[in-house]
PDB file of all heavy atoms in Angstrom:
ATOM      1  N   THR A   1      81.946 115.624  99.264  1.00  0.00           N
ATOM      2  CA  THR A   1      82.902 115.533  98.143  1.00  0.00           C
ATOM      3  C   THR A   1      83.407 114.107  97.958  1.00  0.00           C
ATOM      4  O   THR A   1      83.891 113.756  96.872  1.00  0.00           O
ATOM      5  CB  THR A   1      84.105 116.468  98.362  1.00  0.00           C
ATOM      6  OG1 THR A   1      84.818 116.073  99.552  1.00  0.00           O
ATOM      7  CG2 THR A   1      83.665 117.916  98.485  1.00  0.00           C
ATOM      8  N   GLN A   2      83.324 113.285  99.004  1.00  0.00           N
ATOM      9  CA  GLN A   2      83.798 111.901  98.917  1.00  0.00           C
ATOM     10  C   GLN A   2      82.701 110.928  98.484  1.00  0.00           C
ATOM     11  O   GLN A   2      82.966 109.734  98.317  1.00  0.00           O
ATOM     12  CB  GLN A   2      84.348 111.446 100.290  1.00  0.00           C
ATOM     13  CG  GLN A   2      85.411 112.355 100.879  1.00  0.00           C
ATOM     14  CD  GLN A   2      86.580 112.567  99.945  1.00  0.00           C
ATOM     15  OE1 GLN A   2      87.134 111.599  99.416  1.00  0.00           O
ATOM     16  NE2 GLN A   2      86.962 113.815  99.727  1.00  0.00           N
ATOM     17  N   LEU A   3      81.485 111.411  98.313  1.00  0.00           N
ATOM     18  CA  LEU A   3      80.375 110.522  97.959  1.00  0.00           C
ATOM     19  C   LEU A   3      80.436 110.142  96.480  1.00  0.00           C
ATOM     20  O   LEU A   3      80.906 110.912  95.645  1.00  0.00           O
ATOM     21  CB  LEU A   3      79.029 111.193  98.267  1.00  0.00           C
ATOM     22  CG  LEU A   3      78.720 111.455  99.739  1.00  0.00           C
ATOM     23  CD1 LEU A   3      77.380 112.171  99.862  1.00  0.00           C
ATOM     24  CD2 LEU A   3      78.721 110.176 100.549  1.00  0.00           C
ATOM     25  N   PRO A   4      79.931 108.938  96.141  1.00  0.00           N
ATOM     26  CA  PRO A   4      79.900 108.515  94.737  1.00  0.00           C
ATOM     27  C   PRO A   4      78.671 109.056  94.014  1.00  0.00           C
ATOM     28  O   PRO A   4      77.538 108.721  94.359  1.00  0.00           O
ATOM     29  CB  PRO A   4      79.828 106.985  94.851  1.00  0.00           C
ATOM     30  CG  PRO A   4      79.121 106.739  96.147  1.00  0.00           C
ATOM     31  CD  PRO A   4      79.495 107.869  97.062  1.00  0.00           C
ATOM     32  N   PHE A   5      78.890 109.912  93.045  1.00  0.00           N
ATOM     33  CA  PHE A   5      77.809 110.377  92.176  1.00  0.00           C
ATOM     34  C   PHE A   5      78.007 109.685  90.835  1.00  0.00           C
ATOM     35  O   PHE A   5      78.783 110.134  89.991  1.00  0.00           O
ATOM     36  CB  PHE A   5      77.858 111.902  92.028  1.00  0.00           C
ATOM     37  CG  PHE A   5      77.551 112.635  93.305  1.00  0.00           C
ATOM     38  CD1 PHE A   5      78.574 113.048  94.145  1.00  0.00           C
ATOM     39  CD2 PHE A   5      76.239 112.896  93.668  1.00  0.00           C
ATOM     40  CE1 PHE A   5      78.290 113.717  95.321  1.00  0.00           C
ATOM     41  CE2 PHE A   5      75.942 113.568  94.848  1.00  0.00           C
ATOM     42  CZ  PHE A   5      76.975 113.978  95.684  1.00  0.00           C
ATOM     43  N   CYS A   6      77.305 108.562  90.669  1.00  0.00           N
ATOM     44  CA  CYS A   6      77.640 107.667  89.562  1.00  0.00           C
ATOM     45  C   CYS A   6      76.592 107.620  88.457  1.00  0.00           C
ATOM     46  O   CYS A   6      76.649 106.753  87.596  1.00  0.00           O
ATOM     47  CB  CYS A   6      77.857 106.253  90.106  1.00  0.00           C
ATOM     48  SG  CYS A   6      76.436 105.592  90.980  1.00  0.00           S
ATOM     49  N   GLY A   7      75.621 108.489  88.477  1.00  0.00           N
ATOM     50  CA  GLY A   7      74.621 108.391  87.413  1.00  0.00           C
ATOM     51  C   GLY A   7      73.646 109.539  87.409  1.00  0.00           C
ATOM     52  O   GLY A   7      73.823 110.509  86.668  1.00  0.00           O
ATOM     53  N   PRO A   8      72.600 109.475  88.252  1.00  0.00           N
ATOM     54  CA  PRO A   8      71.592 110.546  88.244  1.00  0.00           C
ATOM     55  C   PRO A   8      72.234 111.889  88.589  1.00  0.00           C
ATOM     56  O   PRO A   8      73.036 111.987  89.514  1.00  0.00           O
ATOM     57  CB  PRO A   8      70.609 110.112  89.341  1.00  0.00           C
ATOM     58  CG  PRO A   8      70.853 108.657  89.535  1.00  0.00           C
ATOM     59  CD  PRO A   8      72.293 108.427  89.228  1.00  0.00           C
ATOM     60  N   ASN A   9      71.886 112.910  87.832  1.00  0.00           N
ATOM     61  CA  ASN A   9      72.475 114.227  88.097  1.00  0.00           C
ATOM     62  C   ASN A   9      71.450 115.356  88.035  1.00  0.00           C
ATOM     63  O   ASN A   9      71.820 116.521  87.917  1.00  0.00           O
ATOM     64  CB  ASN A   9      73.615 114.508  87.100  1.00  0.00           C
ATOM     65  CG  ASN A   9      73.108 114.740  85.692  1.00  0.00           C
ATOM     66  OD1 ASN A   9      72.042 114.251  85.316  1.00  0.00           O
ATOM     67  ND2 ASN A   9      73.870 115.480  84.908  1.00  0.00           N
ATOM     68  N   VAL A  10      70.161 115.012  88.105  1.00  0.00           N
ATOM     69  CA  VAL A  10      69.105 116.025  88.043  1.00  0.00           C
ATOM     70  C   VAL A  10      68.664 116.378  89.457  1.00  0.00           C
ATOM     71  O   VAL A  10      68.284 115.506  90.246  1.00  0.00           O
ATOM     72  CB  VAL A  10      67.898 115.521  87.227  1.00  0.00           C
ATOM     73  CG1 VAL A  10      66.786 116.563  87.236  1.00  0.00           C
ATOM     74  CG2 VAL A  10      68.320 115.204  85.803  1.00  0.00           C
ATOM     75  N   ILE A  11      68.738 117.670  89.796  1.00  0.00           N
ATOM     76  CA  ILE A  11      68.350 118.173  91.108  1.00  0.00           C
ATOM     77  C   ILE A  11      67.058 118.966  90.955  1.00  0.00           C
ATOM     78  O   ILE A  11      67.026 119.976  90.236  1.00  0.00           O
ATOM     79  CB  ILE A  11      69.456 119.066  91.710  1.00  0.00           C
ATOM     80  CG1 ILE A  11      70.726 118.250  91.937  1.00  0.00           C
ATOM     81  CG2 ILE A  11      68.991 119.693  93.018  1.00  0.00           C
ATOM     82  CD1 ILE A  11      71.906 119.075  92.444  1.00  0.00           C
ATOM     83  N   ASP A  12      66.022 118.512  91.608  1.00  0.00           N
ATOM     84  CA  ASP A  12      64.723 119.183  91.528  1.00  0.00           C
ATOM     85  C   ASP A  12      64.685 120.351  92.503  1.00  0.00           C
ATOM     86  O   ASP A  12      63.969 120.348  93.508  1.00  0.00           O
ATOM     87  CB  ASP A  12      63.591 118.196  91.815  1.00  0.00           C
ATOM     88  CG  ASP A  12      62.219 118.834  91.588  1.00  0.00           C
ATOM     89  OD1 ASP A  12      62.150 119.893  90.946  1.00  0.00           O
ATOM     90  OD2 ASP A  12      61.219 118.247  92.058  1.00  0.00           O
ATOM     91  N   ASP A  13      65.500 121.355  92.208  1.00  0.00           N
ATOM     92  CA  ASP A  13      65.616 122.526  93.072  1.00  0.00           C
ATOM     93  C   ASP A  13      66.243 123.638  92.247  1.00  0.00           C
ATOM     94  O   ASP A  13      66.663 123.422  91.109  1.00  0.00           O
ATOM     95  CB  ASP A  13      66.466 122.209  94.303  1.00  0.00           C
ATOM     96  CG  ASP A  13      66.034 123.013  95.527  1.00  0.00           C
ATOM     97  OD1 ASP A  13      65.546 124.153  95.346  1.00  0.00           O
ATOM     98  OD2 ASP A  13      66.187 122.520  96.656  1.00  0.00           O
ATOM     99  N   PHE A  14      66.331 124.844  92.834  1.00  0.00           N
ATOM    100  CA  PHE A  14      66.952 125.954  92.115  1.00  0.00           C
ATOM    101  C   PHE A  14      68.376 126.222  92.595  1.00  0.00           C
ATOM    102  O   PHE A  14      69.024 127.154  92.121  1.00  0.00           O
ATOM    103  CB  PHE A  14      66.105 127.227  92.246  1.00  0.00           C
ATOM    104  CG  PHE A  14      65.921 127.694  93.669  1.00  0.00           C
ATOM    105  CD1 PHE A  14      66.823 128.576  94.248  1.00  0.00           C
ATOM    106  CD2 PHE A  14      64.849 127.251  94.421  1.00  0.00           C
ATOM    107  CE1 PHE A  14      66.646 129.008  95.553  1.00  0.00           C
ATOM    108  CE2 PHE A  14      64.659 127.675  95.729  1.00  0.00           C
ATOM    109  CZ  PHE A  14      65.568 128.556  96.296  1.00  0.00           C
ATOM    110  N   LEU A  15      68.869 125.401  93.544  1.00  0.00           N
ATOM    111  CA  LEU A  15      70.246 125.508  94.003  1.00  0.00           C
ATOM    112  C   LEU A  15      70.744 124.138  94.425  1.00  0.00           C
ATOM    113  O   LEU A  15      69.970 123.182  94.533  1.00  0.00           O
ATOM    114  CB  LEU A  15      70.372 126.513  95.148  1.00  0.00           C
ATOM    115  CG  LEU A  15      69.517 126.347  96.412  1.00  0.00           C
ATOM    116  CD1 LEU A  15      70.037 125.264  97.334  1.00  0.00           C
ATOM    117  CD2 LEU A  15      69.456 127.660  97.171  1.00  0.00           C
ATOM    118  N   CYS A  16      72.039 124.030  94.638  1.00  0.00           N
ATOM    119  CA  CYS A  16      72.628 122.770  95.102  1.00  0.00           C
ATOM    120  C   CYS A  16      72.390 122.649  96.599  1.00  0.00           C
ATOM    121  O   CYS A  16      73.155 123.183  97.413  1.00  0.00           O
ATOM    122  CB  CYS A  16      74.121 122.744  94.782  1.00  0.00           C
ATOM    123  SG  CYS A  16      74.467 122.553  93.038  1.00  0.00           S
ATOM    124  N   ASP A  17      71.323 121.976  96.939  1.00  0.00           N
ATOM    125  CA  ASP A  17      70.915 121.840  98.330  1.00  0.00           C
ATOM    126  C   ASP A  17      71.377 120.500  98.888  1.00  0.00           C
ATOM    127  O   ASP A  17      71.685 119.566  98.151  1.00  0.00           O
ATOM    128  CB  ASP A  17      69.395 121.960  98.423  1.00  0.00           C
ATOM    129  CG  ASP A  17      68.963 122.582  99.742  1.00  0.00           C
ATOM    130  OD1 ASP A  17      69.789 122.625 100.663  1.00  0.00           O
ATOM    131  OD2 ASP A  17      67.800 123.027  99.844  1.00  0.00           O
ATOM    132  N   LEU A  18      71.389 120.415 100.212  1.00  0.00           N
ATOM    133  CA  LEU A  18      71.917 119.229 100.884  1.00  0.00           C
ATOM    134  C   LEU A  18      71.083 117.980 100.595  1.00  0.00           C
ATOM    135  O   LEU A  18      71.630 116.942 100.182  1.00  0.00           O
ATOM    136  CB  LEU A  18      71.985 119.486 102.387  1.00  0.00           C
ATOM    137  CG  LEU A  18      72.527 118.354 103.261  1.00  0.00           C
ATOM    138  CD1 LEU A  18      73.967 118.023 102.884  1.00  0.00           C
ATOM    139  CD2 LEU A  18      72.440 118.740 104.734  1.00  0.00           C
ATOM    140  N   SER A  19      69.786 118.063 100.802  1.00  0.00           N
ATOM    141  CA  SER A  19      68.935 116.880 100.662  1.00  0.00           C
ATOM    142  C   SER A  19      68.960 116.270  99.259  1.00  0.00           C
ATOM    143  O   SER A  19      69.112 115.052  99.118  1.00  0.00           O
ATOM    144  CB  SER A  19      67.489 117.218 101.063  1.00  0.00           C
ATOM    145  OG  SER A  19      67.430 117.568 102.427  1.00  0.00           O
ATOM    146  N   PRO A  20      68.828 117.078  98.180  1.00  0.00           N
ATOM    147  CA  PRO A  20      68.892 116.478  96.841  1.00  0.00           C
ATOM    148  C   PRO A  20      70.236 115.825  96.542  1.00  0.00           C
ATOM    149  O   PRO A  20      70.277 114.774  95.893  1.00  0.00           O
ATOM    150  CB  PRO A  20      68.646 117.671  95.911  1.00  0.00           C
ATOM    151  CG  PRO A  20      67.925 118.664  96.740  1.00  0.00           C
ATOM    152  CD  PRO A  20      68.466 118.508  98.115  1.00  0.00           C
ATOM    153  N   LEU A  21      71.337 116.416  97.001  1.00  0.00           N
ATOM    154  CA  LEU A  21      72.654 115.825  96.759  1.00  0.00           C
ATOM    155  C   LEU A  21      72.801 114.495  97.490  1.00  0.00           C
ATOM    156  O   LEU A  21      73.338 113.529  96.947  1.00  0.00           O
ATOM    157  CB  LEU A  21      73.761 116.790  97.196  1.00  0.00           C
ATOM    158  CG  LEU A  21      74.008 117.980  96.271  1.00  0.00           C
ATOM    159  CD1 LEU A  21      75.006 118.946  96.888  1.00  0.00           C
ATOM    160  CD2 LEU A  21      74.500 117.507  94.908  1.00  0.00           C
ATOM    161  N   LEU A  22      72.311 114.431  98.720  1.00  0.00           N
ATOM    162  CA  LEU A  22      72.357 113.167  99.462  1.00  0.00           C
ATOM    163  C   LEU A  22      71.481 112.119  98.784  1.00  0.00           C
ATOM    164  O   LEU A  22      71.846 110.932  98.739  1.00  0.00           O
ATOM    165  CB  LEU A  22      71.890 113.381 100.903  1.00  0.00           C
ATOM    166  CG  LEU A  22      72.816 114.209 101.807  1.00  0.00           C
ATOM    167  CD1 LEU A  22      72.199 114.401 103.185  1.00  0.00           C
ATOM    168  CD2 LEU A  22      74.187 113.545 101.940  1.00  0.00           C
ATOM    169  N   ALA A  23      70.350 112.549  98.229  1.00  0.00           N
ATOM    170  CA  ALA A  23      69.460 111.607  97.532  1.00  0.00           C
ATOM    171  C   ALA A  23      70.127 111.059  96.274  1.00  0.00           C
ATOM    172  O   ALA A  23      70.017 109.869  95.966  1.00  0.00           O
ATOM    173  CB  ALA A  23      68.144 112.299  97.182  1.00  0.00           C
ATOM    174  N   LEU A  24      70.845 111.905  95.530  1.00  0.00           N
ATOM    175  CA  LEU A  24      71.542 111.454  94.325  1.00  0.00           C
ATOM    176  C   LEU A  24      72.649 110.467  94.669  1.00  0.00           C
ATOM    177  O   LEU A  24      72.834 109.458  93.982  1.00  0.00           O
ATOM    178  CB  LEU A  24      72.135 112.652  93.572  1.00  0.00           C
ATOM    179  CG  LEU A  24      71.144 113.597  92.885  1.00  0.00           C
ATOM    180  CD1 LEU A  24      71.886 114.700  92.166  1.00  0.00           C
ATOM    181  CD2 LEU A  24      70.250 112.839  91.911  1.00  0.00           C
ATOM    182  N   ALA A  25      73.392 110.753  95.731  1.00  0.00           N
ATOM    183  CA  ALA A  25      74.458 109.840  96.143  1.00  0.00           C
ATOM    184  C   ALA A  25      73.884 108.525  96.646  1.00  0.00           C
ATOM    185  O   ALA A  25      74.459 107.454  96.412  1.00  0.00           O
ATOM    186  CB  ALA A  25      75.319 110.489  97.224  1.00  0.00           C
ATOM    187  N   SER A  26      72.736 108.584  97.321  1.00  0.00           N
ATOM    188  CA  SER A  26      72.099 107.366  97.837  1.00  0.00           C
ATOM    189  C   SER A  26      71.638 106.455  96.717  1.00  0.00           C
ATOM    190  O   SER A  26      71.480 105.241  96.915  1.00  0.00           O
ATOM    191  CB  SER A  26      70.902 107.731  98.722  1.00  0.00           C
ATOM    192  OG  SER A  26      71.310 108.487  99.835  1.00  0.00           O
ATOM    193  N   ALA A  27      71.414 107.010  95.524  1.00  0.00           N
ATOM    194  CA  ALA A  27      71.006 106.192  94.391  1.00  0.00           C
ATOM    195  C   ALA A  27      72.135 105.296  93.906  1.00  0.00           C
ATOM    196  O   ALA A  27      71.897 104.308  93.208  1.00  0.00           O
ATOM    197  CB  ALA A  27      70.530 107.087  93.245  1.00  0.00           C
ATOM    198  N   CYS A  28      73.374 105.629  94.269  1.00  0.00           N
ATOM    199  CA  CYS A  28      74.535 104.830  93.868  1.00  0.00           C
ATOM    200  C   CYS A  28      74.923 103.811  94.933  1.00  0.00           C
ATOM    201  O   CYS A  28      75.249 102.671  94.613  1.00  0.00           O
ATOM    202  CB  CYS A  28      75.733 105.747  93.588  1.00  0.00           C
ATOM    203  SG  CYS A  28      75.468 106.899  92.237  1.00  0.00           S
ATOM    204  N   VAL A  29      74.896 104.240  96.186  1.00  0.00           N
ATOM    205  CA  VAL A  29      75.328 103.371  97.277  1.00  0.00           C
ATOM    206  C   VAL A  29      74.711 103.893  98.577  1.00  0.00           C
ATOM    207  O   VAL A  29      74.546 105.100  98.734  1.00  0.00           O
ATOM    208  CB  VAL A  29      76.874 103.344  97.376  1.00  0.00           C
ATOM    209  CG1 VAL A  29      77.421 104.732  97.657  1.00  0.00           C
ATOM    210  CG2 VAL A  29      77.357 102.351  98.426  1.00  0.00           C
ATOM    211  N   PRO A  30      74.323 103.019  99.500  1.00  0.00           N
ATOM    212  CA  PRO A  30      73.777 103.486 100.781  1.00  0.00           C
ATOM    213  C   PRO A  30      74.795 104.339 101.535  1.00  0.00           C
ATOM    214  O   PRO A  30      75.970 103.988 101.619  1.00  0.00           O
ATOM    215  CB  PRO A  30      73.478 102.182 101.535  1.00  0.00           C
ATOM    216  CG  PRO A  30      73.331 101.154 100.469  1.00  0.00           C
ATOM    217  CD  PRO A  30      74.288 101.539  99.379  1.00  0.00           C
ATOM    218  N   ILE A  31      74.341 105.473 102.060  1.00  0.00           N
ATOM    219  CA  ILE A  31      75.238 106.376 102.799  1.00  0.00           C
ATOM    220  C   ILE A  31      74.604 106.787 104.125  1.00  0.00           C
ATOM    221  O   ILE A  31      74.487 107.977 104.429  1.00  0.00           O
ATOM    222  CB  ILE A  31      75.568 107.624 101.955  1.00  0.00           C
ATOM    223  CG1 ILE A  31      74.275 108.257 101.422  1.00  0.00           C
ATOM    224  CG2 ILE A  31      76.515 107.294 100.820  1.00  0.00           C
ATOM    225  CD1 ILE A  31      74.470 109.645 100.827  1.00  0.00           C
ATOM    226  N   PRO A  32      74.206 105.810 104.948  1.00  0.00           N
ATOM    227  CA  PRO A  32      73.524 106.168 106.197  1.00  0.00           C
ATOM    228  C   PRO A  32      74.389 106.999 107.139  1.00  0.00           C
ATOM    229  O   PRO A  32      73.890 107.867 107.856  1.00  0.00           O
ATOM    230  CB  PRO A  32      73.186 104.807 106.815  1.00  0.00           C
ATOM    231  CG  PRO A  32      74.166 103.853 106.205  1.00  0.00           C
ATOM    232  CD  PRO A  32      74.398 104.350 104.827  1.00  0.00           C
ATOM    233  N   GLY A  33      75.707 106.734 107.135  1.00  0.00           N
ATOM    234  CA  GLY A  33      76.596 107.480 108.023  1.00  0.00           C
ATOM    235  C   GLY A  33      76.648 108.959 107.676  1.00  0.00           C
ATOM    236  O   GLY A  33      76.541 109.817 108.563  1.00  0.00           O
ATOM    237  N   THR A  34      76.782 109.266 106.398  1.00  0.00           N
ATOM    238  CA  THR A  34      76.843 110.661 105.967  1.00  0.00           C
ATOM    239  C   THR A  34      75.523 111.371 106.233  1.00  0.00           C
ATOM    240  O   THR A  34      75.502 112.521 106.691  1.00  0.00           O
ATOM    241  CB  THR A  34      77.188 110.742 104.468  1.00  0.00           C
ATOM    242  OG1 THR A  34      78.435 110.089 104.232  1.00  0.00           O
ATOM    243  CG2 THR A  34      77.287 112.194 104.016  1.00  0.00           C
ATOM    244  N   VAL A  35      74.408 110.692 105.941  1.00  0.00           N
ATOM    245  CA  VAL A  35      73.093 111.278 106.190  1.00  0.00           C
ATOM    246  C   VAL A  35      72.921 111.565 107.682  1.00  0.00           C
ATOM    247  O   VAL A  35      72.410 112.626 108.068  1.00  0.00           O
ATOM    248  CB  VAL A  35      71.971 110.345 105.696  1.00  0.00           C
ATOM    249  CG1 VAL A  35      70.604 110.866 106.130  1.00  0.00           C
ATOM    250  CG2 VAL A  35      72.022 110.209 104.175  1.00  0.00           C
ATOM    251  N   LEU A  36      73.376 110.632 108.527  1.00  0.00           N
ATOM    252  CA  LEU A  36      73.254 110.814 109.976  1.00  0.00           C
ATOM    253  C   LEU A  36      74.081 112.002 110.455  1.00  0.00           C
ATOM    254  O   LEU A  36      73.605 112.828 111.242  1.00  0.00           O
ATOM    255  CB  LEU A  36      73.701 109.543 110.704  1.00  0.00           C
ATOM    256  CG  LEU A  36      73.673 109.598 112.237  1.00  0.00           C
ATOM    257  CD1 LEU A  36      72.252 109.828 112.738  1.00  0.00           C
ATOM    258  CD2 LEU A  36      74.264 108.311 112.826  1.00  0.00           C
ATOM    259  N   ILE A  37      75.316 112.108 109.967  1.00  0.00           N
ATOM    260  CA  ILE A  37      76.192 113.207 110.387  1.00  0.00           C
ATOM    261  C   ILE A  37      75.626 114.549 109.938  1.00  0.00           C
ATOM    262  O   ILE A  37      75.554 115.506 110.726  1.00  0.00           O
ATOM    263  CB  ILE A  37      77.619 113.005 109.837  1.00  0.00           C
ATOM    264  CG1 ILE A  37      78.279 111.807 110.515  1.00  0.00           C
ATOM    265  CG2 ILE A  37      78.467 114.263 110.041  1.00  0.00           C
ATOM    266  CD1 ILE A  37      79.616 111.421 109.907  1.00  0.00           C
ATOM    267  N   CYS A  38      75.199 114.626 108.677  1.00  0.00           N
ATOM    268  CA  CYS A  38      74.635 115.879 108.158  1.00  0.00           C
ATOM    269  C   CYS A  38      73.354 116.251 108.903  1.00  0.00           C
ATOM    270  O   CYS A  38      73.150 117.419 109.256  1.00  0.00           O
ATOM    271  CB  CYS A  38      74.356 115.756 106.666  1.00  0.00           C
ATOM    272  SG  CYS A  38      75.839 115.615 105.636  1.00  0.00           S
ATOM    273  N   GLY A  39      72.502 115.268 109.144  1.00  0.00           N
ATOM    274  CA  GLY A  39      71.258 115.531 109.855  1.00  0.00           C
ATOM    275  C   GLY A  39      71.496 115.964 111.287  1.00  0.00           C
ATOM    276  O   GLY A  39      70.838 116.878 111.795  1.00  0.00           O
ATOM    277  N   THR A  40      72.463 115.301 111.949  1.00  0.00           N
ATOM    278  CA  THR A  40      72.771 115.642 113.345  1.00  0.00           C
ATOM    279  C   THR A  40      73.327 117.044 113.453  1.00  0.00           C
ATOM    280  O   THR A  40      72.919 117.823 114.328  1.00  0.00           O
ATOM    281  CB  THR A  40      73.775 114.630 113.923  1.00  0.00           C
ATOM    282  OG1 THR A  40      73.216 113.311 113.874  1.00  0.00           O
ATOM    283  CG2 THR A  40      74.109 114.975 115.367  1.00  0.00           C
ATOM    284  N   MET A  41      74.269 117.393 112.564  1.00  0.00           N
ATOM    285  CA  MET A  41      74.874 118.722 112.625  1.00  0.00           C
ATOM    286  C   MET A  41      73.865 119.808 112.290  1.00  0.00           C
ATOM    287  O   MET A  41      73.843 120.876 112.923  1.00  0.00           O
ATOM    288  CB  MET A  41      76.081 118.789 111.692  1.00  0.00           C
ATOM    289  CG  MET A  41      77.231 117.894 112.121  1.00  0.00           C
ATOM    290  SD  MET A  41      78.755 118.184 111.201  1.00  0.00           S
ATOM    291  CE  MET A  41      79.247 119.787 111.830  1.00  0.00           C
ATOM    292  N   SER A  42      72.996 119.550 111.308  1.00  0.00           N
ATOM    293  CA  SER A  42      71.964 120.530 110.961  1.00  0.00           C
ATOM    294  C   SER A  42      70.986 120.720 112.112  1.00  0.00           C
ATOM    295  O   SER A  42      70.668 121.849 112.503  1.00  0.00           O
ATOM    296  CB  SER A  42      71.204 120.077 109.706  1.00  0.00           C
ATOM    297  OG  SER A  42      72.049 119.998 108.594  1.00  0.00           O
ATOM    298  N   SER A  43      70.517 119.600 112.668  1.00  0.00           N
ATOM    299  CA  SER A  43      69.538 119.669 113.756  1.00  0.00           C
ATOM    300  C   SER A  43      70.128 120.327 114.998  1.00  0.00           C
ATOM    301  O   SER A  43      69.468 121.137 115.657  1.00  0.00           O
ATOM    302  CB  SER A  43      69.035 118.266 114.098  1.00  0.00           C
ATOM    303  OG  SER A  43      68.408 117.671 112.985  1.00  0.00           O
ATOM    304  N   LEU A  44      71.372 119.975 115.318  1.00  0.00           N
ATOM    305  CA  LEU A  44      72.025 120.538 116.504  1.00  0.00           C
ATOM    306  C   LEU A  44      72.134 122.050 116.387  1.00  0.00           C
ATOM    307  O   LEU A  44      71.805 122.791 117.321  1.00  0.00           O
ATOM    308  CB  LEU A  44      73.415 119.917 116.670  1.00  0.00           C
ATOM    309  CG  LEU A  44      74.211 120.350 117.904  1.00  0.00           C
ATOM    310  CD1 LEU A  44      73.472 119.968 119.178  1.00  0.00           C
ATOM    311  CD2 LEU A  44      75.605 119.735 117.885  1.00  0.00           C
TER     312      LEU A  44
END
């Protein structure tokens, strides 16, 4: 919810999934910390 979604808003999926949302936010500004936290929690 704190990520900047500043332009692209097309999700190539049938639901609001984690990976497409992170990809859209990454198009505005690098978010390595958020990607790392989400990936770590999912993998764990």
